[in-house]
Amino acid sequence: MAAATNTDKGADGAALGYEQARDELIEVVRRLEAGGTTLEDSLALWERGEELAKVCRLRLEGARARLDAALAADADGEEGPNEE
């Protein structure tokens, strides 16, 4: 049953913001480090952690791309709304 819940959570993983995914990932890691879970639950937690790490990585890559685009536009001499 834990695997089904994990899959359900994975479906909305892309809808998570960076901070939500990071906070849930921290909780997953805490639970894994604490131990005391069955092998099946540990594997489900590991898989969820992988999904959350991917969400975080994609969000950070998107932010980096936007930042790079803004810096490139600035370097090309494009003026911002408050610049003259």
N, C-alpha and C. Protein backbone atom coordinates (compact mmCIF):
# COMPACT_ATOMS: atom_id res chain seq x y z
N MET A 1 0.82 -1.19 0.00
CA MET A 1 0.00 0.00 0.00
C MET A 1 0.86 1.25 0.00
N ALA A 2 2.01 1.20 0.64
CA ALA A 2 2.90 2.36 0.67
C ALA A 2 3.36 2.74 -0.73
N ALA A 3 3.57 1.75 -1.59
CA ALA A 3 4.02 2.03 -2.95
C ALA A 3 2.94 2.78 -3.71
N ALA A 4 1.66 2.45 -3.50
CA ALA A 4 0.58 3.14 -4.19
C ALA A 4 0.52 4.60 -3.74
N THR A 5 0.67 4.82 -2.45
CA THR A 5 0.68 6.18 -1.93
C THR A 5 1.85 6.95 -2.52
N ASN A 6 3.01 6.30 -2.62
CA ASN A 6 4.18 6.94 -3.19
C ASN A 6 3.93 7.35 -4.62
N THR A 7 3.29 6.49 -5.42
CA THR A 7 2.99 6.80 -6.80
C THR A 7 2.02 7.97 -6.87
N ASP A 8 1.02 7.98 -6.00
CA ASP A 8 0.07 9.07 -5.99
C ASP A 8 0.77 10.39 -5.71
N LYS A 9 1.68 10.40 -4.76
CA LYS A 9 2.42 11.62 -4.45
C LYS A 9 3.31 12.03 -5.61
N GLY A 10 3.87 11.05 -6.31
CA GLY A 10 4.74 11.35 -7.42
C GLY A 10 4.01 12.06 -8.54
N ALA A 11 2.73 11.80 -8.69
CA ALA A 11 1.96 12.42 -9.75
C ALA A 11 1.89 13.93 -9.59
N ASP A 12 1.85 14.41 -8.35
CA ASP A 12 1.76 15.84 -8.14
C ASP A 12 3.14 16.46 -7.84
N GLY A 13 4.19 15.67 -7.98
CA GLY A 13 5.52 16.17 -7.67
C GLY A 13 5.91 17.39 -8.48
N ALA A 14 5.54 17.41 -9.76
CA ALA A 14 5.88 18.54 -10.61
C ALA A 14 5.14 19.80 -10.18
N ALA A 15 4.01 19.64 -9.49
CA ALA A 15 3.23 20.79 -9.05
C ALA A 15 3.83 21.44 -7.80
N LEU A 16 4.76 20.75 -7.14
CA LEU A 16 5.37 21.29 -5.94
C LEU A 16 6.33 22.43 -6.28
N GLY A 17 6.34 23.42 -5.43
CA GLY A 17 7.34 24.45 -5.54
C GLY A 17 8.66 23.96 -4.96
N TYR A 18 9.72 24.71 -5.20
CA TYR A 18 11.03 24.30 -4.72
C TYR A 18 11.04 24.11 -3.21
N GLU A 19 10.52 25.09 -2.48
CA GLU A 19 10.57 25.02 -1.02
C GLU A 19 9.78 23.85 -0.47
N GLN A 20 8.62 23.57 -1.07
CA GLN A 20 7.81 22.43 -0.63
C GLN A 20 8.56 21.12 -0.87
N ALA A 21 9.13 20.98 -2.07
CA ALA A 21 9.87 19.75 -2.40
C ALA A 21 11.08 19.59 -1.48
N ARG A 22 11.79 20.69 -1.24
CA ARG A 22 12.97 20.64 -0.37
C ARG A 22 12.59 20.24 1.05
N ASP A 23 11.52 20.83 1.57
CA ASP A 23 11.10 20.51 2.94
C ASP A 23 10.66 19.06 3.06
N GLU A 24 9.94 18.57 2.05
CA GLU A 24 9.52 17.16 2.10
C GLU A 24 10.73 16.25 1.96
N LEU A 25 11.68 16.64 1.12
CA LEU A 25 12.91 15.84 0.96
C LEU A 25 13.68 15.77 2.27
N ILE A 26 13.76 16.86 2.98
CA ILE A 26 14.42 16.87 4.29
C ILE A 26 13.74 15.88 5.24
N GLU A 27 12.41 15.86 5.21
CA GLU A 27 11.67 14.94 6.07
C GLU A 27 11.91 13.48 5.66
N VAL A 28 11.96 13.22 4.36
CA VAL A 28 12.24 11.87 3.87
C VAL A 28 13.62 11.41 4.35
N VAL A 29 14.61 12.27 4.21
CA VAL A 29 15.96 11.92 4.64
C VAL A 29 16.00 11.68 6.14
N ARG A 30 15.31 12.52 6.90
CA ARG A 30 15.26 12.35 8.36
C ARG A 30 14.68 10.99 8.72
N ARG A 31 13.59 10.62 8.05
CA ARG A 31 12.97 9.33 8.33
C ARG A 31 13.86 8.16 7.95
N LEU A 32 14.54 8.28 6.82
CA LEU A 32 15.45 7.21 6.41
C LEU A 32 16.62 7.07 7.38
N GLU A 33 17.17 8.20 7.82
CA GLU A 33 18.30 8.16 8.75
C GLU A 33 17.89 7.63 10.11
N ALA A 34 16.65 7.88 10.51
CA ALA A 34 16.18 7.41 11.81
C ALA A 34 16.03 5.90 11.84
N GLY A 35 15.80 5.30 10.68
CA GLY A 35 15.65 3.84 10.61
C GLY A 35 14.32 3.41 11.21
N GLY A 36 14.23 2.12 11.47
CA GLY A 36 13.04 1.57 12.08
C GLY A 36 11.88 1.36 11.12
N THR A 37 12.12 1.50 9.81
CA THR A 37 11.06 1.25 8.84
C THR A 37 11.32 -0.08 8.16
N THR A 38 10.28 -0.63 7.61
CA THR A 38 10.42 -1.88 6.87
C THR A 38 11.20 -1.61 5.59
N LEU A 39 11.68 -2.68 4.99
CA LEU A 39 12.40 -2.54 3.73
C LEU A 39 11.50 -1.92 2.68
N GLU A 40 10.26 -2.36 2.61
CA GLU A 40 9.31 -1.82 1.63
C GLU A 40 9.09 -0.32 1.84
N ASP A 41 8.90 0.09 3.10
CA ASP A 41 8.71 1.51 3.39
C ASP A 41 9.97 2.31 3.10
N SER A 42 11.13 1.74 3.41
CA SER A 42 12.39 2.42 3.13
C SER A 42 12.57 2.64 1.63
N LEU A 43 12.23 1.63 0.84
CA LEU A 43 12.33 1.76 -0.61
C LEU A 43 11.36 2.81 -1.14
N ALA A 44 10.15 2.83 -0.59
CA ALA A 44 9.17 3.84 -1.00
C ALA A 44 9.66 5.24 -0.65
N LEU A 45 10.24 5.38 0.55
CA LEU A 45 10.80 6.67 0.94
C LEU A 45 11.95 7.07 0.02
N TRP A 46 12.82 6.13 -0.30
CA TRP A 46 13.95 6.41 -1.19
C TRP A 46 13.45 6.89 -2.55
N GLU A 47 12.46 6.18 -3.10
CA GLU A 47 11.91 6.57 -4.39
C GLU A 47 11.29 7.96 -4.34
N ARG A 48 10.58 8.26 -3.26
CA ARG A 48 9.98 9.59 -3.11
C ARG A 48 11.09 10.64 -3.01
N GLY A 49 12.14 10.32 -2.29
CA GLY A 49 13.27 11.24 -2.19
C GLY A 49 13.90 11.52 -3.54
N GLU A 50 14.02 10.50 -4.37
CA GLU A 50 14.56 10.69 -5.72
C GLU A 50 13.66 11.62 -6.53
N GLU A 51 12.34 11.42 -6.43
CA GLU A 51 11.39 12.29 -7.14
C GLU A 51 11.51 13.73 -6.66
N LEU A 52 11.60 13.90 -5.36
CA LEU A 52 11.70 15.25 -4.79
C LEU A 52 13.00 15.92 -5.18
N ALA A 53 14.09 15.16 -5.18
CA ALA A 53 15.38 15.72 -5.59
C ALA A 53 15.32 16.17 -7.05
N LYS A 54 14.63 15.41 -7.88
CA LYS A 54 14.48 15.79 -9.29
C LYS A 54 13.70 17.08 -9.42
N VAL A 55 12.61 17.21 -8.65
CA VAL A 55 11.82 18.44 -8.67
C VAL A 55 12.70 19.63 -8.27
N CYS A 56 13.47 19.46 -7.21
CA CYS A 56 14.35 20.54 -6.76
C CYS A 56 15.37 20.91 -7.83
N ARG A 57 15.97 19.89 -8.44
CA ARG A 57 16.97 20.13 -9.47
C ARG A 57 16.36 20.87 -10.67
N LEU A 58 15.18 20.45 -11.10
CA LEU A 58 14.52 21.11 -12.24
C LEU A 58 14.14 22.54 -11.92
N ARG A 59 13.65 22.77 -10.70
CA ARG A 59 13.31 24.15 -10.29
C ARG A 59 14.55 25.03 -10.27
N LEU A 60 15.65 24.51 -9.75
CA LEU A 60 16.89 25.28 -9.70
C LEU A 60 17.45 25.54 -11.09
N GLU A 61 17.35 24.53 -11.97
CA GLU A 61 17.82 24.72 -13.35
C GLU A 61 16.98 25.78 -14.06
N GLY A 62 15.67 25.78 -13.81
CA GLY A 62 14.80 26.80 -14.40
C GLY A 62 15.14 28.19 -13.90
N ALA A 63 15.40 28.30 -12.62
CA ALA A 63 15.77 29.59 -12.05
C ALA A 63 17.11 30.05 -12.61
N ARG A 64 18.05 29.13 -12.78
CA ARG A 64 19.36 29.48 -13.34
C ARG A 64 19.21 29.95 -14.78
N ALA A 65 18.35 29.30 -15.56
CA ALA A 65 18.13 29.69 -16.95
C ALA A 65 17.53 31.09 -17.03
N ARG A 66 16.57 31.39 -16.15
CA ARG A 66 15.98 32.74 -16.14
C ARG A 66 17.01 33.78 -15.75
N LEU A 67 17.83 33.45 -14.76
CA LEU A 67 18.88 34.37 -14.32
C LEU A 67 19.89 34.60 -15.44
N ASP A 68 20.32 33.53 -16.09
CA ASP A 68 21.27 33.66 -17.19
C ASP A 68 20.68 34.50 -18.32
N ALA A 69 19.39 34.30 -18.63
CA ALA A 69 18.74 35.08 -19.69
C ALA A 69 18.69 36.56 -19.31
N ALA A 70 18.39 36.84 -18.05
CA ALA A 70 18.34 38.23 -17.60
C ALA A 70 19.72 38.87 -17.65
N LEU A 71 20.73 38.13 -17.25
CA LEU A 71 22.09 38.66 -17.29
C LEU A 71 22.56 38.87 -18.73
N ALA A 72 22.19 37.95 -19.62
CA ALA A 72 22.56 38.09 -21.03
C ALA A 72 21.88 39.30 -21.65
N ALA A 73 20.61 39.51 -21.31
CA ALA A 73 19.88 40.67 -21.83
C ALA A 73 20.51 41.95 -21.32
N ASP A 74 20.92 41.96 -20.07
CA ASP A 74 21.56 43.12 -19.48
C ASP A 74 22.91 43.39 -20.15
N ALA A 75 23.66 42.33 -20.42
CA ALA A 75 24.96 42.46 -21.07
C ALA A 75 24.82 42.95 -22.51
N ASP A 76 23.71 42.64 -23.14
CA ASP A 76 23.47 43.07 -24.53
C ASP A 76 23.05 44.53 -24.59
N GLY A 77 22.91 45.15 -23.44
CA GLY A 77 22.60 46.57 -23.40
C GLY A 77 21.12 46.88 -23.39
N GLU A 78 20.29 45.90 -23.20
CA GLU A 78 18.88 46.16 -23.12
C GLU A 78 18.61 46.92 -21.83
N GLU A 79 17.83 47.96 -21.95
CA GLU A 79 17.54 48.76 -20.76
C GLU A 79 16.32 48.22 -20.06
N GLY A 80 16.38 48.24 -18.75
CA GLY A 80 15.23 47.83 -17.95
C GLY A 80 14.22 48.94 -17.90
N PRO A 81 13.09 48.73 -17.27
CA PRO A 81 12.02 49.73 -17.24
C PRO A 81 12.42 51.01 -16.52
N ASN A 82 13.35 50.96 -15.59
CA ASN A 82 13.74 52.15 -14.83
C ASN A 82 15.05 52.75 -15.31
N GLU A 83 15.61 52.21 -16.37
CA GLU A 83 16.88 52.71 -16.86
C GLU A 83 16.66 53.62 -18.04
N GLU A 84 17.53 54.60 -18.20
CA GLU A 84 17.45 55.52 -19.33
C GLU A 84 18.77 55.64 -20.01
